[in-house]
Amino acid sequence: MSVLVTEPTQESAQEPSRKAAPKTPSTSAARSATPAPSPSTIDGCGDLFDSESPVDFPNPKAPDYAGPGPHLAVADTEADSPEGLEEFRLHTTWLPNEWQPWHEKRTYETDPARAELLICQTKAHQRSDTRVTRCDDDGIGWDVYPVTYTFEVYEMKTGRKVKTLTIHSDEPHTDFCPGPHQWFLGHAPDIGQRIKDETLQRRLRPLIMGPAR
């Protein structure tokens, strides 16, 4: 009786090497991996994403926040006023026209669905008891006090926080006075100092006009 002895084929001979330790990614590949976006710390901002809003936050269908600017933005205020103090409250209309996501078909209307960024005013507190000026309206006056404002900037598509900005009020005067009816109703609030338009725009410009970060 003869015994047939077969030589291992090239494929079977190399089988053990196929089961070697799995390959590890190269250092360059590991560095290029994009980290998962951190979750948002807010679920909305003011009235921007109420029941009548055409989009939610985050908005997975929002344009990509990537590449060079401009990165169109919407803005609102989530923060409560410091007690007894009426202060500046950010809204989209306070942004320069070229930063706003204007509706493609409806004139003079912004479209949150086209926004890449959300700028939310999240905090405001009176930072000093020394008034900076006084607001007078028909002989009724209110003191104006300095305020520190906090703004959080988010990527609309993912809800990722991009930047937190703290800005001190610096407007030397005020164009806003509570109406006399507030005095008659027993409510005569003092005023929070505003931020100059140029100050706010200077701090936000790198995020809007610069490359995505």
C-alpha atoms as a PDB file:
ATOM      1  CA  MET A   1       0.000   0.000   0.000  1.00  0.00           C
ATOM      2  CA  SER A   2       1.449   3.314  -1.020  1.00  0.00           C
ATOM      3  CA  VAL A   3       0.995   6.554   0.925  1.00  0.00           C
ATOM      4  CA  LEU A   4       0.498   9.749  -0.991  1.00  0.00           C
ATOM      5  CA  VAL A   5       2.416  12.625   0.545  1.00  0.00           C
ATOM      6  CA  THR A   6       1.517  16.106  -0.683  1.00  0.00           C
ATOM      7  CA  GLU A   7       3.715  19.150  -0.378  1.00  0.00           C
ATOM      8  CA  PRO A   8       2.102  22.198   1.169  1.00  0.00           C
ATOM      9  CA  THR A   9       1.025  24.701  -1.429  1.00  0.00           C
ATOM     10  CA  GLN A  10       2.491  28.203  -1.444  1.00  0.00           C
ATOM     11  CA  GLU A  11      -0.847  29.552  -0.243  1.00  0.00           C
ATOM     12  CA  SER A  12      -1.117  27.131   2.708  1.00  0.00           C
ATOM     13  CA  ALA A  13       2.527  27.647   3.616  1.00  0.00           C
ATOM     14  CA  GLN A  14       1.958  31.360   3.957  1.00  0.00           C
ATOM     15  CA  GLU A  15      -1.219  31.018   5.999  1.00  0.00           C
ATOM     16  CA  PRO A  16       0.457  31.520   9.415  1.00  0.00           C
ATOM     17  CA  SER A  17       1.860  34.867   8.269  1.00  0.00           C
ATOM     18  CA  ARG A  18      -1.633  36.014   7.398  1.00  0.00           C
ATOM     19  CA  LYS A  19      -2.708  35.552  10.996  1.00  0.00           C
ATOM     20  CA  ALA A  20       0.099  37.668  12.364  1.00  0.00           C
ATOM     21  CA  ALA A  21      -0.600  40.644  14.619  1.00  0.00           C
ATOM     22  CA  PRO A  22      -2.883  43.189  12.929  1.00  0.00           C
ATOM     23  CA  LYS A  23      -1.296  46.207  11.386  1.00  0.00           C
ATOM     24  CA  THR A  24      -1.250  49.404  13.397  1.00  0.00           C
ATOM     25  CA  PRO A  25      -1.964  52.693  11.676  1.00  0.00           C
ATOM     26  CA  SER A  26       1.004  54.824  10.864  1.00  0.00           C
ATOM     27  CA  THR A  27       1.738  57.839  13.015  1.00  0.00           C
ATOM     28  CA  SER A  28       0.756  60.223  10.234  1.00  0.00           C
ATOM     29  CA  ALA A  29      -2.543  58.415   9.687  1.00  0.00           C
ATOM     30  CA  ALA A  30      -3.317  58.516  13.412  1.00  0.00           C
ATOM     31  CA  ARG A  31      -2.653  62.246  13.536  1.00  0.00           C
ATOM     32  CA  SER A  32      -4.920  62.904  10.580  1.00  0.00           C
ATOM     33  CA  ALA A  33      -7.886  61.186  12.230  1.00  0.00           C
ATOM     34  CA  THR A  34     -10.657  63.715  12.953  1.00  0.00           C
ATOM     35  CA  PRO A  35     -11.879  63.635  16.567  1.00  0.00           C
ATOM     36  CA  ALA A  36     -15.582  63.290  17.182  1.00  0.00           C
ATOM     37  CA  PRO A  37     -17.243  66.649  17.826  1.00  0.00           C
ATOM     38  CA  SER A  38     -17.865  67.493  21.450  1.00  0.00           C
ATOM     39  CA  PRO A  39     -21.558  67.705  22.369  1.00  0.00           C
ATOM     40  CA  SER A  40     -23.283  71.064  22.591  1.00  0.00           C
ATOM     41  CA  THR A  41     -23.848  72.550  26.030  1.00  0.00           C
ATOM     42  CA  ILE A  42     -27.091  74.215  24.898  1.00  0.00           C
ATOM     43  CA  ASP A  43     -30.201  72.901  23.199  1.00  0.00           C
ATOM     44  CA  GLY A  44     -31.233  76.202  21.706  1.00  0.00           C
ATOM     45  CA  CYS A  45     -30.793  79.933  22.038  1.00  0.00           C
ATOM     46  CA  GLY A  46     -33.537  82.418  22.784  1.00  0.00           C
ATOM     47  CA  ASP A  47     -36.400  82.131  20.298  1.00  0.00           C
ATOM     48  CA  LEU A  48     -34.283  80.969  17.370  1.00  0.00           C
ATOM     49  CA  PHE A  49     -35.340  77.336  17.527  1.00  0.00           C
ATOM     50  CA  ASP A  50     -38.893  77.496  18.833  1.00  0.00           C
ATOM     51  CA  SER A  51     -41.859  75.629  17.357  1.00  0.00           C
ATOM     52  CA  GLU A  52     -42.057  78.060  14.433  1.00  0.00           C
ATOM     53  CA  SER A  53     -38.416  77.725  13.438  1.00  0.00           C
ATOM     54  CA  PRO A  54     -37.713  75.985  10.108  1.00  0.00           C
ATOM     55  CA  VAL A  55     -34.718  74.162  11.639  1.00  0.00           C
ATOM     56  CA  ASP A  56     -33.605  72.623  14.909  1.00  0.00           C
ATOM     57  CA  PHE A  57     -30.275  72.909  16.659  1.00  0.00           C
ATOM     58  CA  PRO A  58     -28.080  71.138  15.791  1.00  0.00           C
ATOM     59  CA  ASN A  59     -29.126  71.085  12.144  1.00  0.00           C
ATOM     60  CA  PRO A  60     -27.571  68.088  10.334  1.00  0.00           C
ATOM     61  CA  LYS A  61     -28.560  69.636   6.988  1.00  0.00           C
ATOM     62  CA  ALA A  62     -26.700  72.889   7.650  1.00  0.00           C
ATOM     63  CA  PRO A  63     -23.890  73.885   5.285  1.00  0.00           C
ATOM     64  CA  ASP A  64     -20.481  72.528   6.252  1.00  0.00           C
ATOM     65  CA  TYR A  65     -18.460  74.778   8.521  1.00  0.00           C
ATOM     66  CA  ALA A  66     -15.228  74.313   6.613  1.00  0.00           C
ATOM     67  CA  GLY A  67     -12.650  76.148   4.572  1.00  0.00           C
ATOM     68  CA  PRO A  68     -12.270  79.931   4.313  1.00  0.00           C
ATOM     69  CA  GLY A  69     -14.916  82.451   5.351  1.00  0.00           C
ATOM     70  CA  PRO A  70     -17.355  83.956   5.291  1.00  0.00           C
ATOM     71  CA  HIS A  71     -19.257  81.582   7.561  1.00  0.00           C
ATOM     72  CA  LEU A  72     -22.814  82.904   7.801  1.00  0.00           C
ATOM     73  CA  ALA A  73     -24.263  83.085  11.308  1.00  0.00           C
ATOM     74  CA  VAL A  74     -27.450  83.540  13.281  1.00  0.00           C
ATOM     75  CA  ALA A  75     -27.466  85.008  16.777  1.00  0.00           C
ATOM     76  CA  ASP A  76     -29.724  85.321  19.808  1.00  0.00           C
ATOM     77  CA  THR A  77     -29.665  85.667  23.595  1.00  0.00           C
ATOM     78  CA  GLU A  78     -30.251  82.862  26.072  1.00  0.00           C
ATOM     79  CA  ALA A  79     -29.033  84.721  29.169  1.00  0.00           C
ATOM     80  CA  ASP A  80     -31.349  86.332  31.667  1.00  0.00           C
ATOM     81  CA  SER A  81     -30.775  89.990  32.435  1.00  0.00           C
ATOM     82  CA  PRO A  82     -28.835  90.807  35.605  1.00  0.00           C
ATOM     83  CA  GLU A  83     -31.452  91.420  38.273  1.00  0.00           C
ATOM     84  CA  GLY A  84     -32.871  94.911  38.006  1.00  0.00           C
ATOM     85  CA  LEU A  85     -30.751  95.698  34.959  1.00  0.00           C
ATOM     86  CA  GLU A  86     -31.853  96.079  31.353  1.00  0.00           C
ATOM     87  CA  GLU A  87     -28.895  95.303  29.087  1.00  0.00           C
ATOM     88  CA  PHE A  88     -27.780  94.645  25.528  1.00  0.00           C
ATOM     89  CA  ARG A  89     -29.232  91.452  24.065  1.00  0.00           C
ATOM     90  CA  LEU A  90     -27.684  90.036  20.899  1.00  0.00           C
ATOM     91  CA  HIS A  91     -29.844  89.138  17.892  1.00  0.00           C
ATOM     92  CA  THR A  92     -29.041  88.273  14.289  1.00  0.00           C
ATOM     93  CA  THR A  93     -29.989  91.779  13.193  1.00  0.00           C
ATOM     94  CA  TRP A  94     -27.054  93.187  15.193  1.00  0.00           C
ATOM     95  CA  LEU A  95     -24.618  91.375  12.898  1.00  0.00           C
ATOM     96  CA  PRO A  96     -23.347  93.032   9.706  1.00  0.00           C
ATOM     97  CA  ASN A  97     -25.562  92.291   6.700  1.00  0.00           C
ATOM     98  CA  GLU A  98     -22.832  90.296   4.948  1.00  0.00           C
ATOM     99  CA  TRP A  99     -22.615  87.930   7.935  1.00  0.00           C
ATOM    100  CA  GLN A 100     -26.316  87.082   7.958  1.00  0.00           C
ATOM    101  CA  PRO A 101     -27.810  84.096   6.062  1.00  0.00           C
ATOM    102  CA  TRP A 102     -30.323  85.979   3.936  1.00  0.00           C
ATOM    103  CA  HIS A 103     -33.174  83.987   2.458  1.00  0.00           C
ATOM    104  CA  GLU A 104     -32.645  83.201  -1.205  1.00  0.00           C
ATOM    105  CA  LYS A 105     -36.258  83.966  -2.155  1.00  0.00           C
ATOM    106  CA  ARG A 106     -37.722  86.176   0.594  1.00  0.00           C
ATOM    107  CA  THR A 107     -36.328  89.690   0.646  1.00  0.00           C
ATOM    108  CA  TYR A 108     -35.219  91.078   4.030  1.00  0.00           C
ATOM    109  CA  GLU A 109     -35.647  87.712   5.767  1.00  0.00           C
ATOM    110  CA  THR A 110     -32.895  85.543   7.185  1.00  0.00           C
ATOM    111  CA  ASP A 111     -32.875  81.767   6.800  1.00  0.00           C
ATOM    112  CA  PRO A 112     -31.366  79.804   9.741  1.00  0.00           C
ATOM    113  CA  ALA A 113     -31.116  76.757   7.449  1.00  0.00           C
ATOM    114  CA  ARG A 114     -28.290  78.524   5.576  1.00  0.00           C
ATOM    115  CA  ALA A 115     -26.274  79.348   8.700  1.00  0.00           C
ATOM    116  CA  GLU A 116     -22.986  77.604   9.495  1.00  0.00           C
ATOM    117  CA  LEU A 117     -22.615  79.150  12.961  1.00  0.00           C
ATOM    118  CA  LEU A 118     -24.778  80.028  15.942  1.00  0.00           C
ATOM    119  CA  ILE A 119     -23.655  82.898  18.199  1.00  0.00           C
ATOM    120  CA  CYS A 120     -25.455  82.710  21.534  1.00  0.00           C
ATOM    121  CA  GLN A 121     -25.215  85.276  24.320  1.00  0.00           C
ATOM    122  CA  THR A 122     -25.234  82.994  27.352  1.00  0.00           C
ATOM    123  CA  LYS A 123     -24.260  85.226  30.274  1.00  0.00           C
ATOM    124  CA  ALA A 124     -24.372  88.870  31.341  1.00  0.00           C
ATOM    125  CA  HIS A 125     -23.404  90.257  34.702  1.00  0.00           C
ATOM    126  CA  GLN A 126     -22.868  93.696  36.159  1.00  0.00           C
ATOM    127  CA  ARG A 127     -19.157  93.981  36.875  1.00  0.00           C
ATOM    128  CA  SER A 128     -19.119  97.226  38.871  1.00  0.00           C
ATOM    129  CA  ASP A 129     -21.348  99.391  41.061  1.00  0.00           C
ATOM    130  CA  THR A 130     -19.814 102.529  39.572  1.00  0.00           C
ATOM    131  CA  ARG A 131     -22.053 103.985  36.900  1.00  0.00           C
ATOM    132  CA  VAL A 132     -20.525 104.917  33.560  1.00  0.00           C
ATOM    133  CA  THR A 133     -23.208 107.405  32.484  1.00  0.00           C
ATOM    134  CA  ARG A 134     -26.825 108.308  33.047  1.00  0.00           C
ATOM    135  CA  CYS A 135     -29.878 107.963  30.845  1.00  0.00           C
ATOM    136  CA  ASP A 136     -32.441 110.743  31.087  1.00  0.00           C
ATOM    137  CA  ASP A 137     -35.916 110.736  29.583  1.00  0.00           C
ATOM    138  CA  ASP A 138     -38.213 113.684  30.261  1.00  0.00           C
ATOM    139  CA  GLY A 139     -36.614 114.309  33.625  1.00  0.00           C
ATOM    140  CA  ILE A 140     -36.677 110.652  34.686  1.00  0.00           C
ATOM    141  CA  GLY A 141     -33.208 109.146  34.933  1.00  0.00           C
ATOM    142  CA  TRP A 142     -31.594 105.732  35.037  1.00  0.00           C
ATOM    143  CA  ASP A 143     -27.982 104.925  35.808  1.00  0.00           C
ATOM    144  CA  VAL A 144     -25.926 102.929  33.305  1.00  0.00           C
ATOM    145  CA  TYR A 145     -23.566 100.283  34.741  1.00  0.00           C
ATOM    146  CA  PRO A 146     -20.767  98.250  33.113  1.00  0.00           C
ATOM    147  CA  VAL A 147     -21.591  94.684  32.136  1.00  0.00           C
ATOM    148  CA  THR A 148     -19.508  91.668  31.104  1.00  0.00           C
ATOM    149  CA  TYR A 149     -21.099  89.553  28.382  1.00  0.00           C
ATOM    150  CA  THR A 150     -20.325  85.941  27.456  1.00  0.00           C
ATOM    151  CA  PHE A 151     -20.947  84.628  23.936  1.00  0.00           C
ATOM    152  CA  GLU A 152     -20.668  80.982  22.879  1.00  0.00           C
ATOM    153  CA  VAL A 153     -20.197  80.157  19.207  1.00  0.00           C
ATOM    154  CA  TYR A 154     -21.398  76.787  17.891  1.00  0.00           C
ATOM    155  CA  GLU A 155     -21.226  74.873  14.648  1.00  0.00           C
ATOM    156  CA  MET A 156     -24.807  74.557  13.418  1.00  0.00           C
ATOM    157  CA  LYS A 157     -24.321  71.184  11.721  1.00  0.00           C
ATOM    158  CA  THR A 158     -22.993  69.282  14.749  1.00  0.00           C
ATOM    159  CA  GLY A 159     -23.656  71.486  17.771  1.00  0.00           C
ATOM    160  CA  ARG A 160     -19.919  71.537  18.506  1.00  0.00           C
ATOM    161  CA  LYS A 161     -18.752  74.530  20.527  1.00  0.00           C
ATOM    162  CA  VAL A 162     -16.229  76.477  18.460  1.00  0.00           C
ATOM    163  CA  LYS A 163     -15.342  79.356  20.797  1.00  0.00           C
ATOM    164  CA  THR A 164     -16.305  81.160  24.008  1.00  0.00           C
ATOM    165  CA  LEU A 165     -15.865  84.933  24.026  1.00  0.00           C
ATOM    166  CA  THR A 166     -16.022  87.259  27.036  1.00  0.00           C
ATOM    167  CA  ILE A 167     -16.497  90.907  26.096  1.00  0.00           C
ATOM    168  CA  HIS A 168     -16.638  93.946  28.386  1.00  0.00           C
ATOM    169  CA  SER A 169     -19.171  96.673  27.630  1.00  0.00           C
ATOM    170  CA  ASP A 170     -17.509  99.822  26.302  1.00  0.00           C
ATOM    171  CA  GLU A 171     -20.154 102.073  24.741  1.00  0.00           C
ATOM    172  CA  PRO A 172     -19.655 105.500  26.393  1.00  0.00           C
ATOM    173  CA  HIS A 173     -23.277 106.536  25.916  1.00  0.00           C
ATOM    174  CA  THR A 174     -26.664 104.896  25.524  1.00  0.00           C
ATOM    175  CA  ASP A 175     -29.434 105.444  23.002  1.00  0.00           C
ATOM    176  CA  PHE A 176     -31.810 103.295  24.997  1.00  0.00           C
ATOM    177  CA  CYS A 177     -33.953 104.546  27.892  1.00  0.00           C
ATOM    178  CA  PRO A 178     -36.877 102.680  29.412  1.00  0.00           C
ATOM    179  CA  GLY A 179     -40.145 104.307  28.450  1.00  0.00           C
ATOM    180  CA  PRO A 180     -41.942 106.505  30.992  1.00  0.00           C
ATOM    181  CA  HIS A 181     -44.696 103.889  31.297  1.00  0.00           C
ATOM    182  CA  GLN A 182     -42.198 101.634  33.095  1.00  0.00           C
ATOM    183  CA  TRP A 183     -41.757 104.318  35.716  1.00  0.00           C
ATOM    184  CA  PHE A 184     -45.509 104.648  36.187  1.00  0.00           C
ATOM    185  CA  LEU A 185     -45.798 100.874  36.520  1.00  0.00           C
ATOM    186  CA  GLY A 186     -43.327 100.983  39.381  1.00  0.00           C
ATOM    187  CA  HIS A 187     -40.467  99.478  37.394  1.00  0.00           C
ATOM    188  CA  ALA A 188     -37.533 101.803  36.746  1.00  0.00           C
ATOM    189  CA  PRO A 189     -34.615  99.509  35.873  1.00  0.00           C
ATOM    190  CA  ASP A 190     -31.073 100.700  35.581  1.00  0.00           C
ATOM    191  CA  ILE A 191     -29.350 100.138  32.250  1.00  0.00           C
ATOM    192  CA  GLY A 192     -26.553  97.764  31.314  1.00  0.00           C
ATOM    193  CA  GLN A 193     -23.817  99.389  29.273  1.00  0.00           C
ATOM    194  CA  ARG A 194     -23.721  98.238  25.664  1.00  0.00           C
ATOM    195  CA  ILE A 195     -20.865  96.921  23.542  1.00  0.00           C
ATOM    196  CA  LYS A 196     -19.709  99.112  20.674  1.00  0.00           C
ATOM    197  CA  ASP A 197     -20.599  97.644  17.276  1.00  0.00           C
ATOM    198  CA  GLU A 198     -16.971  97.786  16.200  1.00  0.00           C
ATOM    199  CA  THR A 199     -15.841  95.971  19.363  1.00  0.00           C
ATOM    200  CA  LEU A 200     -18.310  93.127  18.889  1.00  0.00           C
ATOM    201  CA  GLN A 201     -17.490  92.803  15.190  1.00  0.00           C
ATOM    202  CA  ARG A 202     -13.743  92.850  15.820  1.00  0.00           C
ATOM    203  CA  ARG A 203     -14.025  89.933  18.250  1.00  0.00           C
ATOM    204  CA  LEU A 204     -16.347  87.912  16.005  1.00  0.00           C
ATOM    205  CA  ARG A 205     -14.663  88.655  12.654  1.00  0.00           C
ATOM    206  CA  PRO A 206     -11.961  85.914  12.880  1.00  0.00           C
ATOM    207  CA  LEU A 207     -14.707  83.298  13.322  1.00  0.00           C
ATOM    208  CA  ILE A 208     -16.950  84.635  10.552  1.00  0.00           C
ATOM    209  CA  MET A 209     -14.418  85.768   7.960  1.00  0.00           C
ATOM    210  CA  GLY A 210     -11.431  83.568   8.833  1.00  0.00           C
ATOM    211  CA  PRO A 211     -10.873  79.866   8.138  1.00  0.00           C
ATOM    212  CA  ALA A 212     -13.023  77.319   9.956  1.00  0.00           C
ATOM    213  CA  ARG A 213     -11.539  76.066  13.198  1.00  0.00           C
END
